Amino acid sequence: MAAFLPSASQTARQRVHVAGNGNHVEVAGRDLIRTEKIIRRNAITPDERHLTIAQRDRLREIAGELAVRLAGANGRGGIAAVHSMLQRHFQVPSYLLIPRERYTDALSFLSQQRAIHRSRLRDHDPVAYANDLYRAIFAGARELGWDGERVYQFAAEKLTLKSPVASLKELGPVQLKALAEAIQREVRTKRQRAAAPDAVDPISG
């Protein structure tokens, strides 16, 4: 039998080249070896217990504004940070699974985070920073039932201006920030009064 076997000198030597992309490995001159990775992802399927489409759209709008504040120097990572915030706060694997009855809580949470991180806009986008303060000022004014003239009057009082303003664009960023905070204090006071039970007049009984 040994006579039929090739001698060591007759054995062919083959140089093997391996190339692949992690899922397919090709051996030069031979077959294709498949080493596919199987990745399983859990499907997110919101139902009637979770946020409605309209609620999701509103949260996504504010989340986008917050993401700009949380983005890194390269402008990336902001939206992932927002999603992580929501997941931790509401203990859900996705913001899509926030219970429908907690929509108001989610809206309030994102709005608070947007205000907390507003200062991060000041350096890299002063225009957006000013616009954000304008929005906060007039949102508070609407809740208070104030028109533009009342806002300008309030600004002159709280900022001790020598003359009333005709536009908020006359104010600098420090003044805008102070005005926004003053109006938010007025809003909180109004809410507290509305939530408190009616006080009993000691004279009338």
C-alpha atoms as a PDB file:
ATOM      1  CA  MET A   1       0.000   0.000   0.000  1.00  0.00           C
ATOM      2  CA  ALA A   2       2.893   2.310   0.722  1.00  0.00           C
ATOM      3  CA  ALA A   3       3.876   2.073  -2.924  1.00  0.00           C
ATOM      4  CA  PHE A   4       0.642   3.765  -4.009  1.00  0.00           C
ATOM      5  CA  LEU A   5       1.028   6.736  -1.648  1.00  0.00           C
ATOM      6  CA  PRO A   6       2.830   9.862  -2.904  1.00  0.00           C
ATOM      7  CA  SER A   7       6.243  10.484  -1.443  1.00  0.00           C
ATOM      8  CA  ALA A   8       6.890  13.535   0.752  1.00  0.00           C
ATOM      9  CA  SER A   9       8.664  15.219  -2.140  1.00  0.00           C
ATOM     10  CA  GLN A  10       5.573  14.836  -4.332  1.00  0.00           C
ATOM     11  CA  THR A  11       3.168  16.409  -1.800  1.00  0.00           C
ATOM     12  CA  ALA A  12       1.885  19.746  -3.124  1.00  0.00           C
ATOM     13  CA  ARG A  13       2.283  22.744  -0.899  1.00  0.00           C
ATOM     14  CA  GLN A  14      -0.434  25.358  -1.080  1.00  0.00           C
ATOM     15  CA  ARG A  15      -0.249  28.927   0.184  1.00  0.00           C
ATOM     16  CA  VAL A  16      -3.612  29.854   1.711  1.00  0.00           C
ATOM     17  CA  HIS A  17      -4.977  33.414   1.672  1.00  0.00           C
ATOM     18  CA  VAL A  18      -7.911  34.210   3.965  1.00  0.00           C
ATOM     19  CA  ALA A  19     -10.166  37.226   3.501  1.00  0.00           C
ATOM     20  CA  GLY A  20     -13.501  38.019   5.057  1.00  0.00           C
ATOM     21  CA  ASN A  21     -15.867  40.607   6.540  1.00  0.00           C
ATOM     22  CA  GLY A  22     -16.694  38.877   9.789  1.00  0.00           C
ATOM     23  CA  ASN A  23     -19.638  36.975   8.354  1.00  0.00           C
ATOM     24  CA  HIS A  24     -18.042  35.372   5.255  1.00  0.00           C
ATOM     25  CA  VAL A  25     -14.505  34.010   5.080  1.00  0.00           C
ATOM     26  CA  GLU A  26     -13.020  33.118   1.701  1.00  0.00           C
ATOM     27  CA  VAL A  27     -10.100  30.719   1.430  1.00  0.00           C
ATOM     28  CA  ALA A  28      -8.248  31.284  -1.820  1.00  0.00           C
ATOM     29  CA  GLY A  29      -8.583  28.330  -4.126  1.00  0.00           C
ATOM     30  CA  ARG A  30     -11.073  26.586  -1.885  1.00  0.00           C
ATOM     31  CA  ASP A  31     -14.717  26.878  -0.869  1.00  0.00           C
ATOM     32  CA  LEU A  32     -16.507  29.816   0.694  1.00  0.00           C
ATOM     33  CA  ILE A  33     -16.830  29.297   4.437  1.00  0.00           C
ATOM     34  CA  ARG A  34     -19.901  30.960   5.953  1.00  0.00           C
ATOM     35  CA  THR A  35     -19.532  32.167   9.538  1.00  0.00           C
ATOM     36  CA  GLU A  36     -22.577  34.381   9.756  1.00  0.00           C
ATOM     37  CA  LYS A  37     -23.403  36.109  13.028  1.00  0.00           C
ATOM     38  CA  ILE A  38     -27.000  35.963  14.156  1.00  0.00           C
ATOM     39  CA  ILE A  39     -28.128  39.108  15.947  1.00  0.00           C
ATOM     40  CA  ARG A  40     -31.520  39.073  17.584  1.00  0.00           C
ATOM     41  CA  ARG A  41     -33.217  42.367  18.355  1.00  0.00           C
ATOM     42  CA  ASN A  42     -36.356  42.670  20.413  1.00  0.00           C
ATOM     43  CA  ALA A  43     -39.136  44.305  18.414  1.00  0.00           C
ATOM     44  CA  ILE A  44     -40.712  47.415  19.955  1.00  0.00           C
ATOM     45  CA  THR A  45     -44.459  47.175  19.420  1.00  0.00           C
ATOM     46  CA  PRO A  46     -46.378  49.969  21.196  1.00  0.00           C
ATOM     47  CA  ASP A  47     -50.099  49.409  21.639  1.00  0.00           C
ATOM     48  CA  GLU A  48     -53.073  51.286  23.078  1.00  0.00           C
ATOM     49  CA  ARG A  49     -51.404  51.407  26.513  1.00  0.00           C
ATOM     50  CA  HIS A  50     -48.545  53.532  25.209  1.00  0.00           C
ATOM     51  CA  LEU A  51     -48.053  56.989  23.722  1.00  0.00           C
ATOM     52  CA  THR A  52     -50.274  57.952  20.802  1.00  0.00           C
ATOM     53  CA  ILE A  53     -48.718  58.984  17.495  1.00  0.00           C
ATOM     54  CA  ALA A  54     -49.515  62.648  18.194  1.00  0.00           C
ATOM     55  CA  GLN A  55     -47.928  62.405  21.654  1.00  0.00           C
ATOM     56  CA  ARG A  56     -44.822  60.771  20.209  1.00  0.00           C
ATOM     57  CA  ASP A  57     -44.496  63.520  17.604  1.00  0.00           C
ATOM     58  CA  ARG A  58     -44.676  66.247  20.257  1.00  0.00           C
ATOM     59  CA  LEU A  59     -42.107  64.512  22.476  1.00  0.00           C
ATOM     60  CA  ARG A  60     -39.858  63.942  19.468  1.00  0.00           C
ATOM     61  CA  GLU A  61     -39.971  67.666  18.699  1.00  0.00           C
ATOM     62  CA  ILE A  62     -38.801  68.659  22.182  1.00  0.00           C
ATOM     63  CA  ALA A  63     -36.328  65.768  22.265  1.00  0.00           C
ATOM     64  CA  GLY A  64     -34.738  67.160  19.111  1.00  0.00           C
ATOM     65  CA  GLU A  65     -34.305  70.576  20.731  1.00  0.00           C
ATOM     66  CA  LEU A  66     -32.795  68.985  23.822  1.00  0.00           C
ATOM     67  CA  ALA A  67     -30.508  66.822  21.676  1.00  0.00           C
ATOM     68  CA  VAL A  68     -28.889  69.938  20.210  1.00  0.00           C
ATOM     69  CA  ARG A  69     -27.919  70.987  23.740  1.00  0.00           C
ATOM     70  CA  LEU A  70     -26.566  67.565  24.679  1.00  0.00           C
ATOM     71  CA  ALA A  71     -24.608  66.922  21.479  1.00  0.00           C
ATOM     72  CA  GLY A  72     -20.849  66.590  21.717  1.00  0.00           C
ATOM     73  CA  ALA A  73     -18.290  68.816  20.038  1.00  0.00           C
ATOM     74  CA  ASN A  74     -18.803  66.864  16.799  1.00  0.00           C
ATOM     75  CA  GLY A  75     -22.557  67.519  16.923  1.00  0.00           C
ATOM     76  CA  ARG A  76     -23.379  63.854  17.539  1.00  0.00           C
ATOM     77  CA  GLY A  77     -24.730  61.764  20.370  1.00  0.00           C
ATOM     78  CA  GLY A  78     -27.424  64.155  21.509  1.00  0.00           C
ATOM     79  CA  ILE A  79     -30.502  62.163  20.566  1.00  0.00           C
ATOM     80  CA  ALA A  80     -29.049  58.978  22.065  1.00  0.00           C
ATOM     81  CA  ALA A  81     -28.485  60.865  25.324  1.00  0.00           C
ATOM     82  CA  VAL A  82     -32.110  62.065  25.312  1.00  0.00           C
ATOM     83  CA  HIS A  83     -33.423  58.540  24.759  1.00  0.00           C
ATOM     84  CA  SER A  84     -31.245  57.271  27.608  1.00  0.00           C
ATOM     85  CA  MET A  85     -32.665  59.978  29.885  1.00  0.00           C
ATOM     86  CA  LEU A  86     -36.231  58.946  29.094  1.00  0.00           C
ATOM     87  CA  GLN A  87     -35.487  55.245  29.484  1.00  0.00           C
ATOM     88  CA  ARG A  88     -33.886  55.747  32.899  1.00  0.00           C
ATOM     89  CA  HIS A  89     -36.531  58.172  34.152  1.00  0.00           C
ATOM     90  CA  PHE A  90     -39.532  56.091  33.092  1.00  0.00           C
ATOM     91  CA  GLN A  91     -37.889  52.660  33.423  1.00  0.00           C
ATOM     92  CA  VAL A  92     -38.731  51.552  29.884  1.00  0.00           C
ATOM     93  CA  PRO A  93     -36.573  49.977  27.144  1.00  0.00           C
ATOM     94  CA  SER A  94     -37.778  52.629  24.667  1.00  0.00           C
ATOM     95  CA  TYR A  95     -39.555  55.971  24.995  1.00  0.00           C
ATOM     96  CA  LEU A  96     -42.205  54.512  22.666  1.00  0.00           C
ATOM     97  CA  LEU A  97     -43.307  52.320  25.582  1.00  0.00           C
ATOM     98  CA  ILE A  98     -43.987  55.184  27.985  1.00  0.00           C
ATOM     99  CA  PRO A  99     -47.530  54.697  29.320  1.00  0.00           C
ATOM    100  CA  ARG A 100     -50.076  56.941  27.646  1.00  0.00           C
ATOM    101  CA  GLU A 101     -51.263  58.389  30.951  1.00  0.00           C
ATOM    102  CA  ARG A 102     -47.713  59.573  31.689  1.00  0.00           C
ATOM    103  CA  TYR A 103     -47.458  61.703  28.568  1.00  0.00           C
ATOM    104  CA  THR A 104     -47.811  64.933  30.566  1.00  0.00           C
ATOM    105  CA  ASP A 105     -45.004  63.770  32.879  1.00  0.00           C
ATOM    106  CA  ALA A 106     -42.784  63.025  29.876  1.00  0.00           C
ATOM    107  CA  LEU A 107     -43.549  66.406  28.328  1.00  0.00           C
ATOM    108  CA  SER A 108     -42.744  68.185  31.585  1.00  0.00           C
ATOM    109  CA  PHE A 109     -39.541  66.158  32.072  1.00  0.00           C
ATOM    110  CA  LEU A 110     -38.202  66.975  28.604  1.00  0.00           C
ATOM    111  CA  SER A 111     -39.152  70.646  28.923  1.00  0.00           C
ATOM    112  CA  GLN A 112     -37.324  70.880  32.244  1.00  0.00           C
ATOM    113  CA  GLN A 113     -34.237  69.203  30.802  1.00  0.00           C
ATOM    114  CA  ARG A 114     -34.348  71.546  27.825  1.00  0.00           C
ATOM    115  CA  ALA A 115     -34.348  74.553  30.173  1.00  0.00           C
ATOM    116  CA  ILE A 116     -31.630  73.066  32.408  1.00  0.00           C
ATOM    117  CA  HIS A 117     -29.291  72.597  29.450  1.00  0.00           C
ATOM    118  CA  ARG A 118     -30.157  75.880  27.728  1.00  0.00           C
ATOM    119  CA  SER A 119     -26.865  77.507  28.719  1.00  0.00           C
ATOM    120  CA  ARG A 120     -24.972  75.026  26.512  1.00  0.00           C
ATOM    121  CA  LEU A 121     -26.428  76.846  23.496  1.00  0.00           C
ATOM    122  CA  ARG A 122     -24.994  80.197  24.554  1.00  0.00           C
ATOM    123  CA  ASP A 123     -21.439  79.574  23.360  1.00  0.00           C
ATOM    124  CA  HIS A 124     -21.888  77.607  20.146  1.00  0.00           C
ATOM    125  CA  ASP A 125     -25.197  79.086  18.917  1.00  0.00           C
ATOM    126  CA  PRO A 126     -26.065  82.504  20.462  1.00  0.00           C
ATOM    127  CA  VAL A 127     -28.995  83.020  18.069  1.00  0.00           C
ATOM    128  CA  ALA A 128     -30.603  79.725  19.087  1.00  0.00           C
ATOM    129  CA  TYR A 129     -29.938  80.628  22.724  1.00  0.00           C
ATOM    130  CA  ALA A 130     -31.788  83.947  22.360  1.00  0.00           C
ATOM    131  CA  ASN A 131     -34.655  82.313  20.445  1.00  0.00           C
ATOM    132  CA  ASP A 132     -35.024  79.721  23.172  1.00  0.00           C
ATOM    133  CA  LEU A 133     -35.333  82.473  25.781  1.00  0.00           C
ATOM    134  CA  TYR A 134     -37.906  84.314  23.639  1.00  0.00           C
ATOM    135  CA  ARG A 135     -39.953  81.123  23.460  1.00  0.00           C
ATOM    136  CA  ALA A 136     -39.755  80.596  27.220  1.00  0.00           C
ATOM    137  CA  ILE A 137     -40.763  84.202  27.901  1.00  0.00           C
ATOM    138  CA  PHE A 138     -43.784  84.215  25.621  1.00  0.00           C
ATOM    139  CA  ALA A 139     -44.875  80.696  26.633  1.00  0.00           C
ATOM    140  CA  GLY A 140     -44.976  81.910  30.232  1.00  0.00           C
ATOM    141  CA  ALA A 141     -46.758  85.108  29.195  1.00  0.00           C
ATOM    142  CA  ARG A 142     -49.482  83.105  27.434  1.00  0.00           C
ATOM    143  CA  GLU A 143     -50.071  81.044  30.551  1.00  0.00           C
ATOM    144  CA  LEU A 144     -50.339  84.252  32.568  1.00  0.00           C
ATOM    145  CA  GLY A 145     -52.715  85.780  30.030  1.00  0.00           C
ATOM    146  CA  TRP A 146     -50.342  88.641  29.214  1.00  0.00           C
ATOM    147  CA  ASP A 147     -50.070  90.411  25.884  1.00  0.00           C
ATOM    148  CA  GLY A 148     -46.860  91.843  24.455  1.00  0.00           C
ATOM    149  CA  GLU A 149     -47.305  95.230  26.105  1.00  0.00           C
ATOM    150  CA  ARG A 150     -47.660  93.595  29.530  1.00  0.00           C
ATOM    151  CA  VAL A 151     -44.452  91.634  28.917  1.00  0.00           C
ATOM    152  CA  TYR A 152     -42.548  94.797  28.001  1.00  0.00           C
ATOM    153  CA  GLN A 153     -43.907  96.571  31.067  1.00  0.00           C
ATOM    154  CA  PHE A 154     -42.916  93.644  33.281  1.00  0.00           C
ATOM    155  CA  ALA A 155     -39.443  93.628  31.728  1.00  0.00           C
ATOM    156  CA  ALA A 156     -38.980  97.328  32.502  1.00  0.00           C
ATOM    157  CA  GLU A 157     -40.036  96.748  36.127  1.00  0.00           C
ATOM    158  CA  LYS A 158     -38.007  93.614  36.823  1.00  0.00           C
ATOM    159  CA  LEU A 159     -34.890  94.702  34.951  1.00  0.00           C
ATOM    160  CA  THR A 160     -35.124  98.290  36.298  1.00  0.00           C
ATOM    161  CA  LEU A 161     -34.784  99.740  32.819  1.00  0.00           C
ATOM    162  CA  LYS A 162     -34.633 103.477  32.390  1.00  0.00           C
ATOM    163  CA  SER A 163     -37.209 103.290  29.614  1.00  0.00           C
ATOM    164  CA  PRO A 164     -39.630 100.565  28.508  1.00  0.00           C
ATOM    165  CA  VAL A 165     -38.662  98.371  25.584  1.00  0.00           C
ATOM    166  CA  ALA A 166     -40.592  98.059  22.353  1.00  0.00           C
ATOM    167  CA  SER A 167     -39.087  94.652  21.532  1.00  0.00           C
ATOM    168  CA  LEU A 168     -37.276  91.936  23.434  1.00  0.00           C
ATOM    169  CA  LYS A 169     -34.540  92.150  20.815  1.00  0.00           C
ATOM    170  CA  GLU A 170     -33.388  95.285  22.620  1.00  0.00           C
ATOM    171  CA  LEU A 171     -32.333  93.113  25.563  1.00  0.00           C
ATOM    172  CA  GLY A 172     -29.016  91.348  25.897  1.00  0.00           C
ATOM    173  CA  PRO A 173     -28.647  87.637  26.733  1.00  0.00           C
ATOM    174  CA  VAL A 174     -28.181  88.265  30.473  1.00  0.00           C
ATOM    175  CA  GLN A 175     -31.329  90.408  30.583  1.00  0.00           C
ATOM    176  CA  LEU A 176     -33.322  87.881  28.573  1.00  0.00           C
ATOM    177  CA  LYS A 177     -32.302  85.107  30.944  1.00  0.00           C
ATOM    178  CA  ALA A 178     -33.296  87.196  33.973  1.00  0.00           C
ATOM    179  CA  LEU A 179     -36.658  88.053  32.387  1.00  0.00           C
ATOM    180  CA  ALA A 180     -37.383  84.420  31.499  1.00  0.00           C
ATOM    181  CA  GLU A 181     -36.645  83.337  35.073  1.00  0.00           C
ATOM    182  CA  ALA A 182     -38.826  86.128  36.515  1.00  0.00           C
ATOM    183  CA  ILE A 183     -41.769  85.145  34.309  1.00  0.00           C
ATOM    184  CA  GLN A 184     -41.358  81.485  35.250  1.00  0.00           C
ATOM    185  CA  ARG A 185     -41.554  82.493  38.916  1.00  0.00           C
ATOM    186  CA  GLU A 186     -44.829  84.265  38.163  1.00  0.00           C
ATOM    187  CA  VAL A 187     -46.106  81.150  36.398  1.00  0.00           C
ATOM    188  CA  ARG A 188     -45.211  78.935  39.374  1.00  0.00           C
ATOM    189  CA  THR A 189     -46.942  81.327  41.754  1.00  0.00           C
ATOM    190  CA  LYS A 190     -50.086  81.245  39.620  1.00  0.00           C
ATOM    191  CA  ARG A 191     -50.065  77.440  39.523  1.00  0.00           C
ATOM    192  CA  GLN A 192     -49.591  77.189  43.279  1.00  0.00           C
ATOM    193  CA  ARG A 193     -52.509  79.511  43.892  1.00  0.00           C
ATOM    194  CA  ALA A 194     -54.693  77.526  41.526  1.00  0.00           C
ATOM    195  CA  ALA A 195     -53.741  74.247  43.233  1.00  0.00           C
ATOM    196  CA  ALA A 196     -54.197  75.523  46.799  1.00  0.00           C
ATOM    197  CA  PRO A 197     -57.647  75.195  48.419  1.00  0.00           C
ATOM    198  CA  ASP A 198     -59.612  78.392  48.842  1.00  0.00           C
ATOM    199  CA  ALA A 199     -58.555  80.191  51.981  1.00  0.00           C
ATOM    200  CA  VAL A 200     -61.310  80.754  54.537  1.00  0.00           C
ATOM    201  CA  ASP A 201     -61.930  84.372  55.448  1.00  0.00           C
ATOM    202  CA  PRO A 202     -61.724  84.486  59.268  1.00  0.00           C
ATOM    203  CA  ILE A 203     -64.181  87.375  59.420  1.00  0.00           C
ATOM    204  CA  SER A 204     -66.844  86.051  57.091  1.00  0.00           C
ATOM    205  CA  GLY A 205     -66.443  82.573  58.458  1.00  0.00           C
END
